[in-house]
Amino acid sequence: NMRNLKNHKLNYDKKMSLSIAILPLRLTESRQDLMGMLATRIDQPGMSSTLGLSSTDCREDLERISQLREDIGRRITSRDCYEDVLSDQNNFHSYYHYLLEMEEKGMTGGSDCISLEWKSALTGQLQSSHSIEGERADLIWNLSTVEAFLASQQALDSKMGWSKAAQHLQNAASWLKHLPSSLLDQHHHQNLYSQPLPDY
């Protein structure tokens, strides 16, 4: 009857609430000289001519970018500090857009000037990325992970709860669509990372 059908649906919903996986965050050290790395990269002859400027011309922006990364590094203190990331999303998004802008201006490809360390969310192994694309990919992982966390927090006993969970999962998928295309090509991994395939 209808009552049994309704009870069956509620029990099904409760079981489904356990099926939304919460992935751990990637951790990074806040004290890394990103400003110095970027300045050195910009002032390389080939890059300087591509960008049409020197590090001196954009010193304030470099200071801002470096400060954003330091703040993010201090905010991510554990692999499950989702609430801390949520409370500082503006900085995460600002940093993301700075990285994207640098790529769009031609600051792409691996470089010995850049070595930014992140710990794998799955193994805890320390990994180094050597490009802006690699750094942005690490940020995308955390932003999509936070969306998955938000999905897992929804009460799946109502249409509203399901709708909110679905929206957060769609947001997570949307972030992953922004992964740099070069990272999806295995031939480029060795130039962008110290290891061929980051395990995230």
N, C-alpha and C. Protein backbone atom coordinates (compact mmCIF):
# COMPACT_ATOMS: atom_id res chain seq x y z
N ASN A 1 0.84 -1.20 0.00
CA ASN A 1 0.00 0.00 0.00
C ASN A 1 0.87 1.25 0.00
N MET A 2 0.23 2.42 -0.05
CA MET A 2 0.97 3.67 -0.17
C MET A 2 1.85 3.93 1.05
N ARG A 3 1.36 3.56 2.25
CA ARG A 3 2.15 3.80 3.47
C ARG A 3 3.44 2.99 3.44
N ASN A 4 3.33 1.73 3.04
CA ASN A 4 4.52 0.89 2.97
C ASN A 4 5.50 1.41 1.92
N LEU A 5 4.94 1.89 0.82
CA LEU A 5 5.78 2.45 -0.24
C LEU A 5 6.53 3.67 0.25
N LYS A 6 5.84 4.53 1.02
CA LYS A 6 6.47 5.74 1.56
C LYS A 6 7.57 5.38 2.54
N ASN A 7 7.29 4.40 3.43
CA ASN A 7 8.31 3.98 4.40
C ASN A 7 9.52 3.38 3.70
N HIS A 8 9.25 2.63 2.62
CA HIS A 8 10.35 2.05 1.85
C HIS A 8 11.22 3.15 1.25
N LYS A 9 10.59 4.22 0.75
CA LYS A 9 11.34 5.33 0.15
C LYS A 9 12.20 6.04 1.19
N LEU A 10 11.65 6.24 2.41
CA LEU A 10 12.41 6.90 3.45
C LEU A 10 13.62 6.07 3.85
N ASN A 11 13.43 4.75 3.96
CA ASN A 11 14.56 3.89 4.29
C ASN A 11 15.60 3.90 3.18
N TYR A 12 15.12 3.96 1.94
CA TYR A 12 16.03 4.04 0.79
C TYR A 12 16.83 5.33 0.83
N ASP A 13 16.14 6.44 1.17
CA ASP A 13 16.82 7.73 1.26
C ASP A 13 17.90 7.70 2.32
N LYS A 14 17.60 7.08 3.46
CA LYS A 14 18.58 7.04 4.55
C LYS A 14 19.82 6.27 4.11
N LYS A 15 19.60 5.17 3.39
CA LYS A 15 20.75 4.41 2.90
C LYS A 15 21.54 5.23 1.89
N MET A 16 20.83 5.93 1.02
CA MET A 16 21.51 6.72 -0.01
C MET A 16 22.32 7.85 0.59
N SER A 17 21.93 8.34 1.78
CA SER A 17 22.66 9.44 2.39
C SER A 17 24.09 9.05 2.72
N LEU A 18 24.33 7.73 2.81
CA LEU A 18 25.67 7.26 3.12
C LEU A 18 26.52 7.08 1.87
N SER A 19 25.91 7.25 0.70
CA SER A 19 26.60 6.92 -0.54
C SER A 19 27.36 8.10 -1.15
N ILE A 20 27.19 9.30 -0.59
CA ILE A 20 27.91 10.46 -1.11
C ILE A 20 29.29 10.50 -0.47
N ALA A 21 30.29 10.22 -1.27
CA ALA A 21 31.65 10.13 -0.75
C ALA A 21 32.20 11.51 -0.40
N ILE A 22 32.88 11.59 0.73
CA ILE A 22 33.55 12.83 1.14
C ILE A 22 35.05 12.60 0.92
N LEU A 23 35.60 13.29 -0.04
CA LEU A 23 37.02 13.14 -0.34
C LEU A 23 37.86 14.07 0.54
N PRO A 24 39.05 13.65 0.92
CA PRO A 24 39.92 14.50 1.74
C PRO A 24 40.52 15.64 0.93
N LEU A 25 40.92 16.68 1.63
CA LEU A 25 41.56 17.84 1.01
C LEU A 25 43.05 17.58 0.80
N ARG A 26 43.62 18.27 -0.16
CA ARG A 26 45.07 18.27 -0.33
C ARG A 26 45.65 19.37 0.56
N LEU A 27 46.75 19.08 1.22
CA LEU A 27 47.38 20.03 2.13
C LEU A 27 48.62 20.64 1.50
N THR A 28 48.93 21.87 1.91
CA THR A 28 50.13 22.52 1.41
C THR A 28 50.76 23.34 2.53
N GLU A 29 52.03 23.62 2.38
CA GLU A 29 52.73 24.47 3.33
C GLU A 29 52.46 25.94 2.99
N SER A 30 52.21 26.74 4.00
CA SER A 30 51.93 28.16 3.76
C SER A 30 53.22 28.93 3.45
N ARG A 31 54.35 28.48 4.00
CA ARG A 31 55.60 29.22 3.83
C ARG A 31 56.38 28.71 2.61
N GLN A 32 55.94 29.11 1.44
CA GLN A 32 56.67 28.83 0.21
C GLN A 32 56.80 30.15 -0.54
N ASP A 33 57.96 30.42 -1.05
CA ASP A 33 58.24 31.73 -1.64
C ASP A 33 57.66 31.82 -3.05
N LEU A 34 56.34 31.87 -3.14
CA LEU A 34 55.70 31.94 -4.44
C LEU A 34 56.06 33.23 -5.16
N MET A 35 56.14 34.31 -4.43
CA MET A 35 56.48 35.59 -5.06
C MET A 35 57.84 35.51 -5.75
N GLY A 36 58.82 34.95 -5.07
CA GLY A 36 60.15 34.81 -5.65
C GLY A 36 60.15 33.88 -6.85
N MET A 37 59.39 32.79 -6.76
CA MET A 37 59.31 31.84 -7.88
C MET A 37 58.72 32.51 -9.11
N LEU A 38 57.61 33.22 -8.91
CA LEU A 38 56.94 33.86 -10.05
C LEU A 38 57.79 34.97 -10.64
N ALA A 39 58.45 35.73 -9.77
CA ALA A 39 59.31 36.82 -10.26
C ALA A 39 60.43 36.27 -11.13
N THR A 40 61.05 35.17 -10.68
CA THR A 40 62.12 34.55 -11.46
C THR A 40 61.58 34.03 -12.79
N ARG A 41 60.40 33.43 -12.75
CA ARG A 41 59.79 32.89 -13.97
C ARG A 41 59.47 34.01 -14.96
N ILE A 42 58.91 35.09 -14.47
CA ILE A 42 58.53 36.21 -15.34
C ILE A 42 59.75 36.84 -15.99
N ASP A 43 60.84 36.93 -15.23
CA ASP A 43 62.03 37.63 -15.72
C ASP A 43 62.90 36.77 -16.63
N GLN A 44 62.53 35.53 -16.84
CA GLN A 44 63.26 34.73 -17.82
C GLN A 44 63.08 35.35 -19.20
N PRO A 45 64.13 35.41 -20.02
CA PRO A 45 64.06 36.12 -21.31
C PRO A 45 62.85 35.77 -22.17
N GLY A 46 62.60 34.49 -22.37
CA GLY A 46 61.47 34.10 -23.21
C GLY A 46 60.13 34.49 -22.63
N MET A 47 59.98 34.32 -21.31
CA MET A 47 58.71 34.63 -20.67
C MET A 47 58.49 36.13 -20.59
N SER A 48 59.54 36.86 -20.29
CA SER A 48 59.42 38.31 -20.17
C SER A 48 58.93 38.94 -21.47
N SER A 49 59.44 38.43 -22.60
CA SER A 49 59.02 38.97 -23.89
C SER A 49 57.59 38.54 -24.22
N THR A 50 57.21 37.34 -23.81
CA THR A 50 55.84 36.86 -24.05
C THR A 50 54.83 37.71 -23.29
N LEU A 51 55.16 38.00 -22.03
CA LEU A 51 54.24 38.78 -21.19
C LEU A 51 54.33 40.28 -21.46
N GLY A 52 55.47 40.72 -21.96
CA GLY A 52 55.65 42.15 -22.21
C GLY A 52 55.83 42.96 -20.96
N LEU A 53 56.38 42.34 -19.91
CA LEU A 53 56.63 43.05 -18.65
C LEU A 53 57.69 42.32 -17.85
N SER A 54 58.13 42.98 -16.78
CA SER A 54 59.07 42.37 -15.85
C SER A 54 58.37 42.19 -14.51
N SER A 55 59.02 41.49 -13.60
CA SER A 55 58.43 41.27 -12.28
C SER A 55 58.24 42.58 -11.52
N THR A 56 59.10 43.55 -11.80
CA THR A 56 58.98 44.85 -11.15
C THR A 56 57.68 45.54 -11.53
N ASP A 57 57.24 45.33 -12.76
CA ASP A 57 56.01 45.97 -13.25
C ASP A 57 54.77 45.46 -12.53
N CYS A 58 54.83 44.24 -12.02
CA CYS A 58 53.64 43.66 -11.39
C CYS A 58 53.91 43.22 -9.95
N ARG A 59 54.78 43.94 -9.28
CA ARG A 59 55.19 43.56 -7.92
C ARG A 59 54.00 43.46 -6.96
N GLU A 60 53.09 44.44 -7.04
CA GLU A 60 51.94 44.43 -6.12
C GLU A 60 51.08 43.20 -6.34
N ASP A 61 50.86 42.84 -7.60
CA ASP A 61 50.07 41.64 -7.89
C ASP A 61 50.77 40.38 -7.37
N LEU A 62 52.08 40.33 -7.54
CA LEU A 62 52.83 39.16 -7.06
C LEU A 62 52.75 39.05 -5.54
N GLU A 63 52.82 40.19 -4.87
CA GLU A 63 52.68 40.18 -3.41
C GLU A 63 51.30 39.69 -3.00
N ARG A 64 50.28 40.13 -3.72
CA ARG A 64 48.90 39.72 -3.43
C ARG A 64 48.71 38.23 -3.66
N ILE A 65 49.23 37.72 -4.78
CA ILE A 65 49.11 36.30 -5.08
C ILE A 65 49.81 35.46 -4.02
N SER A 66 51.01 35.88 -3.65
CA SER A 66 51.77 35.15 -2.63
C SER A 66 51.06 35.15 -1.29
N GLN A 67 50.47 36.29 -0.94
CA GLN A 67 49.74 36.39 0.33
C GLN A 67 48.50 35.49 0.34
N LEU A 68 47.81 35.44 -0.80
CA LEU A 68 46.63 34.58 -0.91
C LEU A 68 47.01 33.12 -0.67
N ARG A 69 48.13 32.71 -1.26
CA ARG A 69 48.54 31.31 -1.09
C ARG A 69 48.94 31.01 0.35
N GLU A 70 49.62 31.97 0.98
CA GLU A 70 49.97 31.79 2.39
C GLU A 70 48.72 31.65 3.25
N ASP A 71 47.73 32.50 2.99
CA ASP A 71 46.48 32.43 3.76
C ASP A 71 45.79 31.09 3.55
N ILE A 72 45.78 30.60 2.31
CA ILE A 72 45.15 29.32 2.01
C ILE A 72 45.89 28.18 2.71
N GLY A 73 47.22 28.23 2.68
CA GLY A 73 48.02 27.22 3.34
C GLY A 73 47.77 27.16 4.84
N ARG A 74 47.59 28.32 5.45
CA ARG A 74 47.30 28.36 6.89
C ARG A 74 45.88 27.88 7.19
N ARG A 75 44.99 28.06 6.23
CA ARG A 75 43.59 27.69 6.44
C ARG A 75 43.39 26.17 6.37
N ILE A 76 44.13 25.51 5.46
CA ILE A 76 43.97 24.06 5.31
C ILE A 76 44.92 23.37 6.29
N THR A 77 44.43 23.08 7.46
CA THR A 77 45.27 22.50 8.52
C THR A 77 45.13 21.00 8.63
N SER A 78 44.10 20.44 8.03
CA SER A 78 43.90 18.99 8.06
C SER A 78 43.12 18.59 6.81
N ARG A 79 43.09 17.30 6.55
CA ARG A 79 42.46 16.83 5.32
C ARG A 79 40.93 16.83 5.41
N ASP A 80 40.38 17.21 6.57
CA ASP A 80 38.93 17.26 6.69
C ASP A 80 38.43 18.61 7.24
N CYS A 81 39.21 19.67 7.03
CA CYS A 81 38.82 20.98 7.56
C CYS A 81 37.95 21.74 6.53
N TYR A 82 36.88 21.09 6.09
CA TYR A 82 36.02 21.66 5.05
C TYR A 82 35.40 22.99 5.47
N GLU A 83 35.01 23.09 6.72
CA GLU A 83 34.37 24.32 7.20
C GLU A 83 35.34 25.50 7.12
N ASP A 84 36.61 25.25 7.38
CA ASP A 84 37.61 26.32 7.30
C ASP A 84 37.76 26.82 5.87
N VAL A 85 37.73 25.89 4.93
CA VAL A 85 37.82 26.28 3.52
C VAL A 85 36.58 27.08 3.12
N LEU A 86 35.43 26.64 3.58
CA LEU A 86 34.18 27.33 3.25
C LEU A 86 34.17 28.76 3.78
N SER A 87 34.75 28.96 4.95
CA SER A 87 34.76 30.29 5.56
C SER A 87 35.75 31.23 4.86
N ASP A 88 36.59 30.67 3.98
CA ASP A 88 37.61 31.48 3.32
C ASP A 88 37.52 31.32 1.79
N GLN A 89 36.32 31.05 1.29
CA GLN A 89 36.16 30.78 -0.14
C GLN A 89 36.55 31.96 -1.03
N ASN A 90 36.36 33.18 -0.54
CA ASN A 90 36.72 34.34 -1.36
C ASN A 90 38.21 34.32 -1.73
N ASN A 91 39.05 33.99 -0.75
CA ASN A 91 40.48 33.92 -1.03
C ASN A 91 40.81 32.79 -2.00
N PHE A 92 40.13 31.65 -1.85
CA PHE A 92 40.35 30.53 -2.75
C PHE A 92 39.99 30.92 -4.18
N HIS A 93 38.85 31.58 -4.34
CA HIS A 93 38.41 31.97 -5.68
C HIS A 93 39.31 33.07 -6.26
N SER A 94 39.74 34.00 -5.42
CA SER A 94 40.64 35.05 -5.91
C SER A 94 41.95 34.46 -6.38
N TYR A 95 42.49 33.55 -5.61
CA TYR A 95 43.76 32.91 -5.98
C TYR A 95 43.59 32.12 -7.28
N TYR A 96 42.47 31.41 -7.38
CA TYR A 96 42.19 30.64 -8.59
C TYR A 96 42.19 31.54 -9.83
N HIS A 97 41.52 32.68 -9.74
CA HIS A 97 41.41 33.56 -10.90
C HIS A 97 42.76 34.23 -11.24
N TYR A 98 43.59 34.48 -10.24
CA TYR A 98 44.94 34.97 -10.51
C TYR A 98 45.72 33.94 -11.31
N LEU A 99 45.64 32.68 -10.89
CA LEU A 99 46.35 31.61 -11.59
C LEU A 99 45.86 31.47 -13.02
N LEU A 100 44.54 31.53 -13.18
CA LEU A 100 43.95 31.40 -14.50
C LEU A 100 44.39 32.55 -15.40
N GLU A 101 44.44 33.75 -14.85
CA GLU A 101 44.86 34.92 -15.62
C GLU A 101 46.31 34.78 -16.09
N MET A 102 47.16 34.25 -15.20
CA MET A 102 48.56 34.06 -15.59
C MET A 102 48.67 33.07 -16.74
N GLU A 103 47.88 32.00 -16.68
CA GLU A 103 47.90 31.04 -17.78
C GLU A 103 47.43 31.69 -19.08
N GLU A 104 46.36 32.45 -18.99
CA GLU A 104 45.79 33.08 -20.19
C GLU A 104 46.76 34.07 -20.83
N LYS A 105 47.65 34.64 -20.02
CA LYS A 105 48.64 35.59 -20.55
C LYS A 105 49.87 34.89 -21.10
N GLY A 106 49.89 33.57 -21.01
CA GLY A 106 50.99 32.82 -21.62
C GLY A 106 51.97 32.21 -20.65
N MET A 107 51.70 32.31 -19.34
CA MET A 107 52.63 31.78 -18.34
C MET A 107 52.31 30.30 -18.09
N THR A 108 52.62 29.47 -19.09
CA THR A 108 52.27 28.06 -19.02
C THR A 108 53.51 27.19 -19.17
N GLY A 109 53.30 25.91 -18.91
CA GLY A 109 54.40 24.96 -19.06
C GLY A 109 55.21 24.80 -17.79
N GLY A 110 55.94 23.69 -17.70
CA GLY A 110 56.75 23.43 -16.53
C GLY A 110 57.99 24.32 -16.47
N SER A 111 58.47 24.58 -15.27
CA SER A 111 59.65 25.42 -15.09
C SER A 111 60.37 25.05 -13.80
N ASP A 112 61.70 25.05 -13.86
CA ASP A 112 62.50 24.78 -12.66
C ASP A 112 62.36 25.92 -11.64
N CYS A 113 61.86 27.06 -12.08
CA CYS A 113 61.70 28.20 -11.18
C CYS A 113 60.57 27.98 -10.17
N ILE A 114 59.64 27.11 -10.53
CA ILE A 114 58.45 26.89 -9.70
C ILE A 114 58.48 25.49 -9.11
N SER A 115 58.31 25.41 -7.81
CA SER A 115 58.22 24.12 -7.13
C SER A 115 57.32 24.30 -5.92
N LEU A 116 56.05 23.97 -6.09
CA LEU A 116 55.04 24.15 -5.04
C LEU A 116 54.58 22.80 -4.54
N GLU A 117 54.67 22.61 -3.23
CA GLU A 117 54.42 21.29 -2.65
C GLU A 117 53.00 21.15 -2.11
N TRP A 118 52.41 20.01 -2.42
CA TRP A 118 51.11 19.62 -1.90
C TRP A 118 51.19 18.16 -1.47
N LYS A 119 50.42 17.81 -0.45
CA LYS A 119 50.35 16.41 -0.03
C LYS A 119 49.14 15.76 -0.69
N SER A 120 49.35 14.56 -1.19
CA SER A 120 48.25 13.83 -1.80
C SER A 120 47.12 13.65 -0.79
N ALA A 121 45.89 13.88 -1.24
CA ALA A 121 44.73 13.69 -0.36
C ALA A 121 44.51 12.21 -0.07
N LEU A 122 44.97 11.34 -0.95
CA LEU A 122 44.69 9.92 -0.82
C LEU A 122 45.80 9.15 -0.11
N THR A 123 47.05 9.54 -0.33
CA THR A 123 48.17 8.80 0.26
C THR A 123 48.97 9.61 1.27
N GLY A 124 48.82 10.93 1.25
CA GLY A 124 49.61 11.78 2.14
C GLY A 124 51.01 12.02 1.62
N GLN A 125 51.32 11.48 0.45
CA GLN A 125 52.66 11.63 -0.13
C GLN A 125 52.87 13.06 -0.61
N LEU A 126 54.06 13.60 -0.33
CA LEU A 126 54.38 14.96 -0.75
C LEU A 126 54.70 14.98 -2.23
N GLN A 127 54.08 15.91 -2.95
CA GLN A 127 54.29 16.05 -4.39
C GLN A 127 54.59 17.50 -4.72
N SER A 128 55.39 17.71 -5.75
CA SER A 128 55.75 19.06 -6.17
C SER A 128 55.25 19.32 -7.58
N SER A 129 54.54 20.44 -7.75
CA SER A 129 54.13 20.84 -9.09
C SER A 129 55.08 21.95 -9.55
N HIS A 130 55.36 21.97 -10.84
CA HIS A 130 56.33 22.91 -11.40
C HIS A 130 55.70 23.84 -12.43
N SER A 131 54.41 24.09 -12.27
CA SER A 131 53.73 24.95 -13.23
C SER A 131 52.52 25.61 -12.58
N ILE A 132 52.05 26.68 -13.22
CA ILE A 132 50.82 27.33 -12.78
C ILE A 132 49.64 26.39 -12.98
N GLU A 133 49.67 25.62 -14.08
CA GLU A 133 48.59 24.67 -14.33
C GLU A 133 48.48 23.63 -13.21
N GLY A 134 49.64 23.14 -12.77
CA GLY A 134 49.63 22.16 -11.69
C GLY A 134 49.08 22.73 -10.40
N GLU A 135 49.47 23.97 -10.11
CA GLU A 135 48.97 24.63 -8.90
C GLU A 135 47.46 24.83 -8.98
N ARG A 136 46.97 25.22 -10.14
CA ARG A 136 45.53 25.44 -10.29
C ARG A 136 44.76 24.11 -10.17
N ALA A 137 45.35 23.03 -10.66
CA ALA A 137 44.71 21.72 -10.53
C ALA A 137 44.57 21.32 -9.07
N ASP A 138 45.59 21.60 -8.26
CA ASP A 138 45.51 21.30 -6.84
C ASP A 138 44.38 22.09 -6.17
N LEU A 139 44.24 23.33 -6.58
CA LEU A 139 43.18 24.17 -6.03
C LEU A 139 41.81 23.65 -6.46
N ILE A 140 41.70 23.22 -7.71
CA ILE A 140 40.43 22.68 -8.22
C ILE A 140 40.02 21.45 -7.42
N TRP A 141 40.99 20.61 -7.10
CA TRP A 141 40.67 19.42 -6.29
C TRP A 141 39.99 19.84 -4.99
N ASN A 142 40.57 20.80 -4.30
CA ASN A 142 40.01 21.20 -3.01
C ASN A 142 38.65 21.88 -3.16
N LEU A 143 38.48 22.69 -4.18
CA LEU A 143 37.20 23.36 -4.39
C LEU A 143 36.10 22.36 -4.74
N SER A 144 36.42 21.36 -5.53
CA SER A 144 35.42 20.34 -5.87
C SER A 144 35.13 19.44 -4.67
N THR A 145 36.17 19.18 -3.87
CA THR A 145 35.99 18.36 -2.68
C THR A 145 35.05 19.03 -1.68
N VAL A 146 35.18 20.33 -1.52
CA VAL A 146 34.30 21.06 -0.61
C VAL A 146 32.85 20.98 -1.09
N GLU A 147 32.64 21.04 -2.39
CA GLU A 147 31.28 20.91 -2.92
C GLU A 147 30.71 19.52 -2.62
N ALA A 148 31.54 18.49 -2.75
CA ALA A 148 31.09 17.14 -2.43
C ALA A 148 30.76 17.02 -0.94
N PHE A 149 31.56 17.69 -0.11
CA PHE A 149 31.28 17.71 1.33
C PHE A 149 29.91 18.35 1.60
N LEU A 150 29.63 19.47 0.95
CA LEU A 150 28.34 20.14 1.13
C LEU A 150 27.19 19.25 0.69
N ALA A 151 27.40 18.49 -0.37
CA ALA A 151 26.37 17.56 -0.83
C ALA A 151 26.08 16.52 0.23
N SER A 152 27.14 16.04 0.89
CA SER A 152 26.98 14.99 1.90
C SER A 152 26.27 15.48 3.15
N GLN A 153 26.21 16.79 3.33
CA GLN A 153 25.59 17.36 4.54
C GLN A 153 24.09 17.60 4.38
N GLN A 154 23.56 17.35 3.20
CA GLN A 154 22.14 17.60 2.97
C GLN A 154 21.30 16.44 3.50
N ALA A 155 20.15 16.78 4.05
CA ALA A 155 19.21 15.76 4.53
C ALA A 155 18.46 15.21 3.33
N LEU A 156 18.64 13.92 3.06
CA LEU A 156 18.04 13.32 1.87
C LEU A 156 16.68 12.71 2.16
N ASP A 157 15.89 13.40 2.98
CA ASP A 157 14.55 12.92 3.27
C ASP A 157 13.48 13.86 2.70
N SER A 158 13.91 14.71 1.78
CA SER A 158 12.97 15.62 1.13
C SER A 158 13.49 15.97 -0.26
N LYS A 159 12.59 16.45 -1.11
CA LYS A 159 12.99 16.86 -2.45
C LYS A 159 14.00 17.99 -2.39
N MET A 160 13.81 18.90 -1.42
CA MET A 160 14.72 20.02 -1.27
C MET A 160 16.14 19.54 -0.96
N GLY A 161 16.24 18.57 -0.05
CA GLY A 161 17.54 18.02 0.30
C GLY A 161 18.23 17.37 -0.88
N TRP A 162 17.48 16.58 -1.63
CA TRP A 162 18.02 15.94 -2.81
C TRP A 162 18.46 16.98 -3.83
N SER A 163 17.64 18.01 -3.99
CA SER A 163 17.94 19.05 -4.97
C SER A 163 19.24 19.78 -4.61
N LYS A 164 19.41 20.10 -3.32
CA LYS A 164 20.61 20.79 -2.88
C LYS A 164 21.85 19.90 -3.04
N ALA A 165 21.69 18.63 -2.68
CA ALA A 165 22.82 17.70 -2.82
C ALA A 165 23.23 17.58 -4.28
N ALA A 166 22.22 17.47 -5.16
CA ALA A 166 22.51 17.35 -6.59
C ALA A 166 23.22 18.59 -7.12
N GLN A 167 22.79 19.77 -6.64
CA GLN A 167 23.41 21.01 -7.09
C GLN A 167 24.88 21.08 -6.69
N HIS A 168 25.18 20.67 -5.46
CA HIS A 168 26.57 20.69 -5.01
C HIS A 168 27.43 19.69 -5.78
N LEU A 169 26.86 18.54 -6.10
CA LEU A 169 27.60 17.56 -6.89
C LEU A 169 27.83 18.08 -8.31
N GLN A 170 26.85 18.79 -8.85
CA GLN A 170 27.03 19.41 -10.17
C GLN A 170 28.13 20.48 -10.11
N ASN A 171 28.15 21.22 -9.00
CA ASN A 171 29.20 22.23 -8.84
C ASN A 171 30.58 21.58 -8.79
N ALA A 172 30.66 20.45 -8.09
CA ALA A 172 31.94 19.73 -8.00
C ALA A 172 32.38 19.27 -9.39
N ALA A 173 31.44 18.73 -10.15
CA ALA A 173 31.76 18.28 -11.50
C ALA A 173 32.18 19.45 -12.39
N SER A 174 31.54 20.59 -12.19
CA SER A 174 31.87 21.78 -12.98
C SER A 174 33.30 22.23 -12.71
N TRP A 175 33.73 22.18 -11.45
CA TRP A 175 35.11 22.53 -11.13
C TRP A 175 36.07 21.61 -11.86
N LEU A 176 35.78 20.32 -11.86
CA LEU A 176 36.69 19.35 -12.48
C LEU A 176 36.80 19.56 -13.99
N LYS A 177 35.76 20.13 -14.58
CA LYS A 177 35.81 20.42 -16.02
C LYS A 177 36.83 21.51 -16.33
N HIS A 178 37.23 22.28 -15.30
CA HIS A 178 38.19 23.36 -15.50
C HIS A 178 39.63 22.91 -15.33
N LEU A 179 39.85 21.61 -15.12
CA LEU A 179 41.23 21.12 -15.03
C LEU A 179 41.98 21.50 -16.30
N PRO A 180 43.19 22.01 -16.17
CA PRO A 180 43.97 22.38 -17.37
C PRO A 180 44.09 21.20 -18.32
N SER A 181 43.85 21.43 -19.58
CA SER A 181 43.88 20.35 -20.57
C SER A 181 45.25 19.68 -20.63
N SER A 182 46.30 20.44 -20.37
CA SER A 182 47.65 19.87 -20.43
C SER A 182 47.85 18.80 -19.37
N LEU A 183 47.13 18.90 -18.25
CA LEU A 183 47.26 17.90 -17.20
C LEU A 183 46.55 16.61 -17.56
N LEU A 184 45.64 16.67 -18.51
CA LEU A 184 44.93 15.48 -18.92
C LEU A 184 45.68 14.72 -20.00
N ASP A 185 46.76 15.30 -20.47
CA ASP A 185 47.61 14.68 -21.48
C ASP A 185 48.83 14.10 -20.77
N GLN A 186 48.96 12.80 -20.71
CA GLN A 186 50.03 12.15 -19.96
C GLN A 186 51.41 12.57 -20.43
N HIS A 187 51.54 13.01 -21.66
CA HIS A 187 52.86 13.38 -22.19
C HIS A 187 53.40 14.64 -21.50
N HIS A 188 52.51 15.42 -20.87
CA HIS A 188 52.95 16.67 -20.26
C HIS A 188 53.23 16.53 -18.77
N HIS A 189 52.84 15.42 -18.17
CA HIS A 189 52.90 15.33 -16.71
C HIS A 189 54.31 15.48 -16.14
N GLN A 190 55.30 14.91 -16.81
CA GLN A 190 56.64 14.94 -16.24
C GLN A 190 57.19 16.37 -16.21
N ASN A 191 56.72 17.24 -17.09
CA ASN A 191 57.17 18.62 -17.08
C ASN A 191 56.46 19.44 -16.01
N LEU A 192 55.25 19.03 -15.66
CA LEU A 192 54.45 19.82 -14.72
C LEU A 192 54.56 19.33 -13.29
N TYR A 193 54.93 18.07 -13.10
CA TYR A 193 55.02 17.48 -11.77
C TYR A 193 56.34 16.72 -11.62
N SER A 194 56.74 16.55 -10.37
CA SER A 194 57.95 15.78 -10.11
C SER A 194 57.68 14.28 -10.29
N GLN A 195 56.39 13.90 -10.32
CA GLN A 195 56.01 12.53 -10.57
C GLN A 195 55.13 12.50 -11.81
N PRO A 196 55.18 11.41 -12.60
CA PRO A 196 54.42 11.38 -13.85
C PRO A 196 52.92 11.57 -13.68
N LEU A 197 52.31 10.91 -12.70
CA LEU A 197 50.86 10.99 -12.53
C LEU A 197 50.53 11.27 -11.06
N PRO A 198 50.20 12.48 -10.69
CA PRO A 198 49.81 12.77 -9.32
C PRO A 198 48.61 11.94 -8.93
N ASP A 199 48.62 11.37 -7.72
CA ASP A 199 47.51 10.49 -7.32
C ASP A 199 46.40 11.26 -6.60
N TYR A 200 46.62 12.53 -6.35
CA TYR A 200 45.65 13.36 -5.66
C TYR A 200 45.15 12.67 -4.39
